[in-house]
C-alpha atoms as a PDB file:
ATOM      1  CA  UNK A   1       3.726  -9.672  -7.658  1.00  0.00           C
ATOM      2  CA  UNK A   2       1.998 -10.542 -10.766  1.00  0.00           C
ATOM      3  CA  UNK A   3      -0.379 -12.597  -8.691  1.00  0.00           C
ATOM      4  CA  UNK A   4      -0.845  -9.497  -6.583  1.00  0.00           C
ATOM      5  CA  UNK A   5      -1.856  -7.469  -9.226  1.00  0.00           C
ATOM      6  CA  UNK A   6      -5.123  -9.707  -9.802  1.00  0.00           C
ATOM      7  CA  UNK A   7      -5.364  -9.363  -5.709  1.00  0.00           C
ATOM      8  CA  UNK A   8      -4.125 -13.304  -5.716  1.00  0.00           C
ATOM      9  CA  UNK A   9      -1.308 -14.422  -2.944  1.00  0.00           C
ATOM     10  CA  UNK A  10       0.824 -17.357  -4.048  1.00  0.00           C
ATOM     11  CA  UNK A  11       3.251 -18.737  -2.436  1.00  0.00           C
ATOM     12  CA  UNK A  12       6.575 -19.433  -4.472  1.00  0.00           C
ATOM     13  CA  UNK A  13      10.284 -20.453  -3.680  1.00  0.00           C
ATOM     14  CA  UNK A  14      12.247 -17.760  -2.027  1.00  0.00           C
ATOM     15  CA  UNK A  15      14.381 -15.873  -4.255  1.00  0.00           C
ATOM     16  CA  UNK A  16      11.634 -16.985  -7.054  1.00  0.00           C
ATOM     17  CA  UNK A  17      11.680 -14.294 -10.243  1.00  0.00           C
ATOM     18  CA  UNK A  18       9.361 -11.424  -9.297  1.00  0.00           C
ATOM     19  CA  UNK A  19       9.260 -12.685  -5.594  1.00  0.00           C
ATOM     20  CA  UNK A  20       8.137  -9.837  -2.927  1.00  0.00           C
ATOM     21  CA  UNK A  21       9.236 -11.409   0.289  1.00  0.00           C
ATOM     22  CA  UNK A  22       6.135 -10.513   2.842  1.00  0.00           C
ATOM     23  CA  UNK A  23       6.749 -10.266   6.740  1.00  0.00           C
ATOM     24  CA  UNK A  24       3.558 -10.954   8.730  1.00  0.00           C
ATOM     25  CA  UNK A  25       2.130  -7.778  11.383  1.00  0.00           C
ATOM     26  CA  UNK A  26       2.013 -10.614  14.307  1.00  0.00           C
ATOM     27  CA  UNK A  27      -0.553 -12.836  15.691  1.00  0.00           C
ATOM     28  CA  UNK A  28      -4.083 -12.100  15.990  1.00  0.00           C
ATOM     29  CA  UNK A  29      -4.842 -11.154  19.767  1.00  0.00           C
ATOM     30  CA  UNK A  30      -7.670 -13.092  21.943  1.00  0.00           C
ATOM     31  CA  UNK A  31     -10.751 -11.364  21.555  1.00  0.00           C
ATOM     32  CA  UNK A  32      -9.996 -10.308  18.524  1.00  0.00           C
ATOM     33  CA  UNK A  33     -11.836 -11.613  15.139  1.00  0.00           C
ATOM     34  CA  UNK A  34     -10.032 -10.720  11.442  1.00  0.00           C
ATOM     35  CA  UNK A  35     -12.007 -10.850   8.729  1.00  0.00           C
ATOM     36  CA  UNK A  36     -11.031 -10.099   4.952  1.00  0.00           C
ATOM     37  CA  UNK A  37     -13.467  -8.781   2.693  1.00  0.00           C
ATOM     38  CA  UNK A  38     -13.637  -7.329  -0.658  1.00  0.00           C
ATOM     39  CA  UNK A  39     -13.985  -3.596  -0.411  1.00  0.00           C
ATOM     40  CA  UNK A  40     -16.673  -3.102  -3.221  1.00  0.00           C
ATOM     41  CA  UNK A  41     -18.696  -5.942  -2.618  1.00  0.00           C
ATOM     42  CA  UNK A  42     -18.564  -5.893   0.761  1.00  0.00           C
ATOM     43  CA  UNK A  43     -18.088  -9.962   0.658  1.00  0.00           C
ATOM     44  CA  UNK A  44     -15.492 -12.053   2.198  1.00  0.00           C
ATOM     45  CA  UNK A  45     -13.153 -13.172   0.010  1.00  0.00           C
ATOM     46  CA  UNK A  46     -10.699 -16.607   0.228  1.00  0.00           C
ATOM     47  CA  UNK A  47      -7.199 -17.534   2.180  1.00  0.00           C
ATOM     48  CA  UNK A  48      -5.654 -17.005  -1.657  1.00  0.00           C
ATOM     49  CA  UNK A  49      -7.173 -13.613  -2.356  1.00  0.00           C
ATOM     50  CA  UNK A  50      -6.282  -9.791  -1.003  1.00  0.00           C
ATOM     51  CA  UNK A  51      -8.586  -8.043  -0.076  1.00  0.00           C
ATOM     52  CA  UNK A  52      -9.768  -5.012   3.009  1.00  0.00           C
ATOM     53  CA  UNK A  53      -8.776  -5.713   6.475  1.00  0.00           C
ATOM     54  CA  UNK A  54     -11.730  -5.717   8.534  1.00  0.00           C
ATOM     55  CA  UNK A  55     -11.921  -6.190  12.450  1.00  0.00           C
ATOM     56  CA  UNK A  56     -14.309  -6.964  15.258  1.00  0.00           C
ATOM     57  CA  UNK A  57     -13.284  -6.856  19.034  1.00  0.00           C
ATOM     58  CA  UNK A  58     -14.564  -5.391  22.277  1.00  0.00           C
ATOM     59  CA  UNK A  59     -12.586  -2.386  21.925  1.00  0.00           C
ATOM     60  CA  UNK A  60     -13.746  -1.039  18.228  1.00  0.00           C
ATOM     61  CA  UNK A  61     -14.691   2.581  18.520  1.00  0.00           C
ATOM     62  CA  UNK A  62     -18.416   3.548  17.238  1.00  0.00           C
ATOM     63  CA  UNK A  63     -17.602   6.708  15.546  1.00  0.00           C
ATOM     64  CA  UNK A  64     -15.543   9.982  15.437  1.00  0.00           C
ATOM     65  CA  UNK A  65     -15.644  12.674  18.199  1.00  0.00           C
ATOM     66  CA  UNK A  66     -16.237  15.715  16.903  1.00  0.00           C
ATOM     67  CA  UNK A  67     -14.327  19.242  18.213  1.00  0.00           C
ATOM     68  CA  UNK A  68     -17.607  20.307  18.885  1.00  0.00           C
ATOM     69  CA  UNK A  69     -18.564  17.638  21.306  1.00  0.00           C
ATOM     70  CA  UNK A  70     -21.082  15.936  19.504  1.00  0.00           C
ATOM     71  CA  UNK A  71     -20.538  12.530  17.817  1.00  0.00           C
ATOM     72  CA  UNK A  72     -20.039  12.440  14.451  1.00  0.00           C
ATOM     73  CA  UNK A  73     -21.942  10.782  11.995  1.00  0.00           C
ATOM     74  CA  UNK A  74     -21.972   7.026  12.096  1.00  0.00           C
ATOM     75  CA  UNK A  75     -19.757   6.186   9.167  1.00  0.00           C
ATOM     76  CA  UNK A  76     -19.775   2.672   7.297  1.00  0.00           C
ATOM     77  CA  UNK A  77     -15.787   2.532   8.517  1.00  0.00           C
ATOM     78  CA  UNK A  78     -17.407   1.864  12.052  1.00  0.00           C
ATOM     79  CA  UNK A  79     -20.730  -0.240  10.963  1.00  0.00           C
ATOM     80  CA  UNK A  80     -19.394  -2.159   8.357  1.00  0.00           C
ATOM     81  CA  UNK A  81     -21.746  -5.747   7.681  1.00  0.00           C
ATOM     82  CA  UNK A  82     -20.959  -8.149   5.158  1.00  0.00           C
ATOM     83  CA  UNK A  83     -22.770  -8.641   1.940  1.00  0.00           C
ATOM     84  CA  UNK A  84     -23.688 -12.325   2.521  1.00  0.00           C
ATOM     85  CA  UNK A  85     -22.102 -14.724   4.689  1.00  0.00           C
ATOM     86  CA  UNK A  86     -22.454 -13.419   8.851  1.00  0.00           C
ATOM     87  CA  UNK A  87     -24.525 -10.532   8.172  1.00  0.00           C
ATOM     88  CA  UNK A  88     -25.002  -9.884  11.523  1.00  0.00           C
ATOM     89  CA  UNK A  89     -21.719  -8.663  13.039  1.00  0.00           C
ATOM     90  CA  UNK A  90     -20.585  -5.450  12.921  1.00  0.00           C
ATOM     91  CA  UNK A  91     -17.064  -4.737  11.841  1.00  0.00           C
ATOM     92  CA  UNK A  92     -14.214  -2.084  11.452  1.00  0.00           C
ATOM     93  CA  UNK A  93     -13.150  -1.188   8.095  1.00  0.00           C
ATOM     94  CA  UNK A  94      -9.257  -0.564   8.327  1.00  0.00           C
ATOM     95  CA  UNK A  95      -8.833   0.989   5.215  1.00  0.00           C
ATOM     96  CA  UNK A  96      -5.462  -1.505   4.771  1.00  0.00           C
ATOM     97  CA  UNK A  97      -5.571  -4.494   2.325  1.00  0.00           C
ATOM     98  CA  UNK A  98      -3.961  -7.358   3.359  1.00  0.00           C
ATOM     99  CA  UNK A  99      -4.347 -11.593   4.297  1.00  0.00           C
ATOM    100  CA  UNK A 100      -4.670 -13.911   6.561  1.00  0.00           C
ATOM    101  CA  UNK A 101      -2.503 -16.809   6.379  1.00  0.00           C
ATOM    102  CA  UNK A 102      -2.231 -19.903   8.649  1.00  0.00           C
ATOM    103  CA  UNK A 103       1.630 -20.185  10.014  1.00  0.00           C
ATOM    104  CA  UNK A 104       3.731 -22.594  10.768  1.00  0.00           C
ATOM    105  CA  UNK A 105       4.844 -21.090  14.521  1.00  0.00           C
ATOM    106  CA  UNK A 106       2.618 -22.239  17.028  1.00  0.00           C
ATOM    107  CA  UNK A 107       1.297 -20.456  20.292  1.00  0.00           C
ATOM    108  CA  UNK A 108       1.691 -21.300  23.994  1.00  0.00           C
ATOM    109  CA  UNK A 109      -1.348 -24.521  23.437  1.00  0.00           C
ATOM    110  CA  UNK A 110       0.937 -25.934  21.141  1.00  0.00           C
ATOM    111  CA  UNK A 111      -1.207 -24.784  18.476  1.00  0.00           C
ATOM    112  CA  UNK A 112      -0.274 -23.014  15.225  1.00  0.00           C
ATOM    113  CA  UNK A 113      -2.015 -19.213  14.659  1.00  0.00           C
ATOM    114  CA  UNK A 114      -3.426 -17.628  11.939  1.00  0.00           C
ATOM    115  CA  UNK A 115      -1.193 -14.542  10.857  1.00  0.00           C
ATOM    116  CA  UNK A 116      -1.857 -11.338   9.623  1.00  0.00           C
ATOM    117  CA  UNK A 117      -0.296  -9.759   6.411  1.00  0.00           C
ATOM    118  CA  UNK A 118      -0.268  -6.080   5.338  1.00  0.00           C
ATOM    119  CA  UNK A 119       0.476  -5.132   2.152  1.00  0.00           C
ATOM    120  CA  UNK A 120      -0.691  -1.106   1.617  1.00  0.00           C
ATOM    121  CA  UNK A 121      -3.214   1.115   2.231  1.00  0.00           C
ATOM    122  CA  UNK A 122      -6.295   0.665  -0.171  1.00  0.00           C
ATOM    123  CA  UNK A 123      -6.796   4.414  -0.926  1.00  0.00           C
ATOM    124  CA  UNK A 124      -2.752   4.168  -1.891  1.00  0.00           C
ATOM    125  CA  UNK A 125      -3.449   1.150  -4.493  1.00  0.00           C
ATOM    126  CA  UNK A 126      -2.903   2.118  -8.079  1.00  0.00           C
ATOM    127  CA  UNK A 127      -5.217   1.353 -10.751  1.00  0.00           C
ATOM    128  CA  UNK A 128      -3.215   1.032 -13.988  1.00  0.00           C
ATOM    129  CA  UNK A 129      -4.110  -1.092 -17.204  1.00  0.00           C
ATOM    130  CA  UNK A 130      -7.359  -2.520 -15.147  1.00  0.00           C
ATOM    131  CA  UNK A 131      -4.978  -4.155 -12.475  1.00  0.00           C
ATOM    132  CA  UNK A 132      -3.916  -2.865  -9.192  1.00  0.00           C
ATOM    133  CA  UNK A 133      -0.404  -2.038  -8.327  1.00  0.00           C
ATOM    134  CA  UNK A 134       0.992  -1.412  -4.969  1.00  0.00           C
ATOM    135  CA  UNK A 135       3.058   1.831  -4.527  1.00  0.00           C
ATOM    136  CA  UNK A 136       5.645   0.278  -2.365  1.00  0.00           C
ATOM    137  CA  UNK A 137       6.504  -2.725  -4.850  1.00  0.00           C
ATOM    138  CA  UNK A 138       7.167   0.040  -7.504  1.00  0.00           C
ATOM    139  CA  UNK A 139       9.284   2.097  -5.008  1.00  0.00           C
ATOM    140  CA  UNK A 140      10.571  -0.859  -4.220  1.00  0.00           C
ATOM    141  CA  UNK A 141      12.843  -1.679  -7.905  1.00  0.00           C
ATOM    142  CA  UNK A 142      13.079   1.873  -8.437  1.00  0.00           C
ATOM    143  CA  UNK A 143      15.372   2.237  -5.297  1.00  0.00           C
ATOM    144  CA  UNK A 144      17.579  -0.607  -6.158  1.00  0.00           C
ATOM    145  CA  UNK A 145      18.862   1.293  -9.278  1.00  0.00           C
ATOM    146  CA  UNK A 146      21.218   3.827  -7.826  1.00  0.00           C
ATOM    147  CA  UNK A 147      22.842   4.787  -4.554  1.00  0.00           C
ATOM    148  CA  UNK A 148      21.988   7.928  -5.222  1.00  0.00           C
ATOM    149  CA  UNK A 149      18.394   7.471  -4.399  1.00  0.00           C
ATOM    150  CA  UNK A 150      17.846   7.911  -0.551  1.00  0.00           C
ATOM    151  CA  UNK A 151      13.598   7.842  -0.805  1.00  0.00           C
ATOM    152  CA  UNK A 152      11.234   7.650  -3.535  1.00  0.00           C
ATOM    153  CA  UNK A 153       7.062   7.630  -3.932  1.00  0.00           C
ATOM    154  CA  UNK A 154       4.698   6.584  -6.955  1.00  0.00           C
ATOM    155  CA  UNK A 155       1.303   7.471  -7.008  1.00  0.00           C
ATOM    156  CA  UNK A 156      -0.919   7.952 -10.037  1.00  0.00           C
ATOM    157  CA  UNK A 157      -1.812  11.602 -11.960  1.00  0.00           C
ATOM    158  CA  UNK A 158      -5.280  11.492 -14.766  1.00  0.00           C
ATOM    159  CA  UNK A 159      -3.905   7.742 -16.224  1.00  0.00           C
ATOM    160  CA  UNK A 160       0.045   8.079 -15.569  1.00  0.00           C
ATOM    161  CA  UNK A 161       2.275   6.682 -12.755  1.00  0.00           C
ATOM    162  CA  UNK A 162       4.093   9.705 -11.834  1.00  0.00           C
ATOM    163  CA  UNK A 163       7.637   8.819  -9.595  1.00  0.00           C
ATOM    164  CA  UNK A 164       8.977  10.619  -7.493  1.00  0.00           C
ATOM    165  CA  UNK A 165      12.739  10.528  -6.192  1.00  0.00           C
ATOM    166  CA  UNK A 166      14.979  12.292  -3.481  1.00  0.00           C
ATOM    167  CA  UNK A 167      18.776  12.693  -4.567  1.00  0.00           C
ATOM    168  CA  UNK A 168      21.069  12.072  -2.134  1.00  0.00           C
ATOM    169  CA  UNK A 169      24.229  13.490  -4.362  1.00  0.00           C
ATOM    170  CA  UNK A 170      25.070  15.935  -6.655  1.00  0.00           C
ATOM    171  CA  UNK A 171      23.037  17.962  -9.306  1.00  0.00           C
ATOM    172  CA  UNK A 172      24.489  16.576 -12.234  1.00  0.00           C
ATOM    173  CA  UNK A 173      23.079  12.940 -11.532  1.00  0.00           C
ATOM    174  CA  UNK A 174      19.589  14.237 -11.620  1.00  0.00           C
ATOM    175  CA  UNK A 175      19.662  13.657 -15.943  1.00  0.00           C
ATOM    176  CA  UNK A 176      21.159   9.931 -15.008  1.00  0.00           C
ATOM    177  CA  UNK A 177      18.364   8.544 -12.907  1.00  0.00           C
ATOM    178  CA  UNK A 178      15.274   9.114 -15.279  1.00  0.00           C
ATOM    179  CA  UNK A 179      16.575   5.925 -17.497  1.00  0.00           C
ATOM    180  CA  UNK A 180      17.432   4.284 -14.944  1.00  0.00           C
ATOM    181  CA  UNK A 181      14.057   4.414 -13.036  1.00  0.00           C
ATOM    182  CA  UNK A 182      12.018   4.040 -16.362  1.00  0.00           C
ATOM    183  CA  UNK A 183      13.744   0.714 -17.316  1.00  0.00           C
ATOM    184  CA  UNK A 184      13.535  -0.717 -13.770  1.00  0.00           C
ATOM    185  CA  UNK A 185       9.924  -0.379 -13.596  1.00  0.00           C
ATOM    186  CA  UNK A 186       9.286  -0.731 -16.851  1.00  0.00           C
ATOM    187  CA  UNK A 187      11.335  -4.097 -17.184  1.00  0.00           C
ATOM    188  CA  UNK A 188      10.314  -5.509 -13.459  1.00  0.00           C
ATOM    189  CA  UNK A 189       6.469  -4.112 -13.661  1.00  0.00           C
ATOM    190  CA  UNK A 190       5.863  -3.654 -17.536  1.00  0.00           C
ATOM    191  CA  UNK A 191       4.612  -0.156 -16.615  1.00  0.00           C
ATOM    192  CA  UNK A 192       5.832   2.778 -18.444  1.00  0.00           C
ATOM    193  CA  UNK A 193       6.630   6.011 -16.442  1.00  0.00           C
ATOM    194  CA  UNK A 194       4.742   9.154 -16.789  1.00  0.00           C
ATOM    195  CA  UNK A 195       6.617  11.342 -15.307  1.00  0.00           C
ATOM    196  CA  UNK A 196       9.705  11.224 -13.206  1.00  0.00           C
ATOM    197  CA  UNK A 197       9.900  14.116 -10.298  1.00  0.00           C
ATOM    198  CA  UNK A 198      13.752  14.160  -9.470  1.00  0.00           C
ATOM    199  CA  UNK A 199      14.180  16.386  -5.817  1.00  0.00           C
ATOM    200  CA  UNK A 200      15.633  17.292  -2.930  1.00  0.00           C
ATOM    201  CA  UNK A 201      16.437  15.084  -0.072  1.00  0.00           C
ATOM    202  CA  UNK A 202      13.490  15.447   3.025  1.00  0.00           C
ATOM    203  CA  UNK A 203      10.952  16.399   0.248  1.00  0.00           C
ATOM    204  CA  UNK A 204       8.847  13.189   0.492  1.00  0.00           C
ATOM    205  CA  UNK A 205       6.666  13.694   3.678  1.00  0.00           C
ATOM    206  CA  UNK A 206       6.777  11.035   6.504  1.00  0.00           C
ATOM    207  CA  UNK A 207       4.173  10.898   9.402  1.00  0.00           C
ATOM    208  CA  UNK A 208       5.306  10.354  12.612  1.00  0.00           C
ATOM    209  CA  UNK A 209       4.523   6.332  11.857  1.00  0.00           C
ATOM    210  CA  UNK A 210       7.133   6.298   9.364  1.00  0.00           C
ATOM    211  CA  UNK A 211       4.828   6.426   6.171  1.00  0.00           C
ATOM    212  CA  UNK A 212       5.190   7.797   3.510  1.00  0.00           C
ATOM    213  CA  UNK A 213       2.207  10.537   2.692  1.00  0.00           C
ATOM    214  CA  UNK A 214       2.026   9.930  -0.937  1.00  0.00           C
ATOM    215  CA  UNK A 215      -1.575  11.839  -1.627  1.00  0.00           C
ATOM    216  CA  UNK A 216       0.079  15.028   0.621  1.00  0.00           C
ATOM    217  CA  UNK A 217       2.608  14.367  -2.247  1.00  0.00           C
ATOM    218  CA  UNK A 218       0.330  13.913  -4.787  1.00  0.00           C
ATOM    219  CA  UNK A 219      -1.277  17.428  -4.187  1.00  0.00           C
ATOM    220  CA  UNK A 220       2.276  19.249  -3.591  1.00  0.00           C
ATOM    221  CA  UNK A 221       3.054  17.729  -7.205  1.00  0.00           C
ATOM    222  CA  UNK A 222       0.151  19.014  -9.168  1.00  0.00           C
ATOM    223  CA  UNK A 223       0.189  22.272  -6.955  1.00  0.00           C
ATOM    224  CA  UNK A 224       3.558  22.636  -8.403  1.00  0.00           C
ATOM    225  CA  UNK A 225       4.896  23.081  -4.934  1.00  0.00           C
ATOM    226  CA  UNK A 226       7.782  20.527  -4.470  1.00  0.00           C
ATOM    227  CA  UNK A 227      10.491  22.991  -6.109  1.00  0.00           C
ATOM    228  CA  UNK A 228      12.111  19.799  -8.111  1.00  0.00           C
ATOM    229  CA  UNK A 229      16.040  19.878  -9.330  1.00  0.00           C
ATOM    230  CA  UNK A 230      14.375  18.105 -12.623  1.00  0.00           C
ATOM    231  CA  UNK A 231      11.083  17.092 -14.443  1.00  0.00           C
ATOM    232  CA  UNK A 232      11.098  14.394 -17.198  1.00  0.00           C
ATOM    233  CA  UNK A 233       7.944  13.756 -18.839  1.00  0.00           C
ATOM    234  CA  UNK A 234       7.185  10.457 -21.092  1.00  0.00           C
ATOM    235  CA  UNK A 235       3.610  11.481 -22.682  1.00  0.00           C
END
């Protein structure tokens, strides 16, 4: 996890301190090219670096289709080009951070294949203290702290880290969760939680694909729409 904060991927032994198990998202299909690019410079990155996943294939879309029947303006997401290297190929930007790594698995021809690993959405990555943190890492640490935490989500508000936890238990446990959450994040990620919000189960929005809608949750927090059980500020 320390390497990921600097957008680097480092393999360690299973069970090593501060390690994170990742599962590959599958084999890259024939006719599909994937490159990992720096989202700011748009240049390709090395195998040991984390970056945005770009895709090129015959099935790539050319843009959005609006409800008015006209093609929307071409977006950089559909017609991205590398700033150096192969500058002619047109790529689609996925908006997800990940990396490629050659696996030990073989295909039908007996050759090893590259596997794609998806770490998280670029827009949901947290920039704190000049380093990039991924919400899922913080949420995993928080979920382990107490059996009554059914779900949790992390996002930033100004320069503060906000953690929302769903309480699946009696409301008198809400106050007990605050020090558990703050201590876990401090010990495992060296971050201070600015706000802990304890809510009822089902408050954290999740879409049909099972993905947490952290930005919608953030909007609800800023709009005072969460109806929390308890809110603790550490400012």
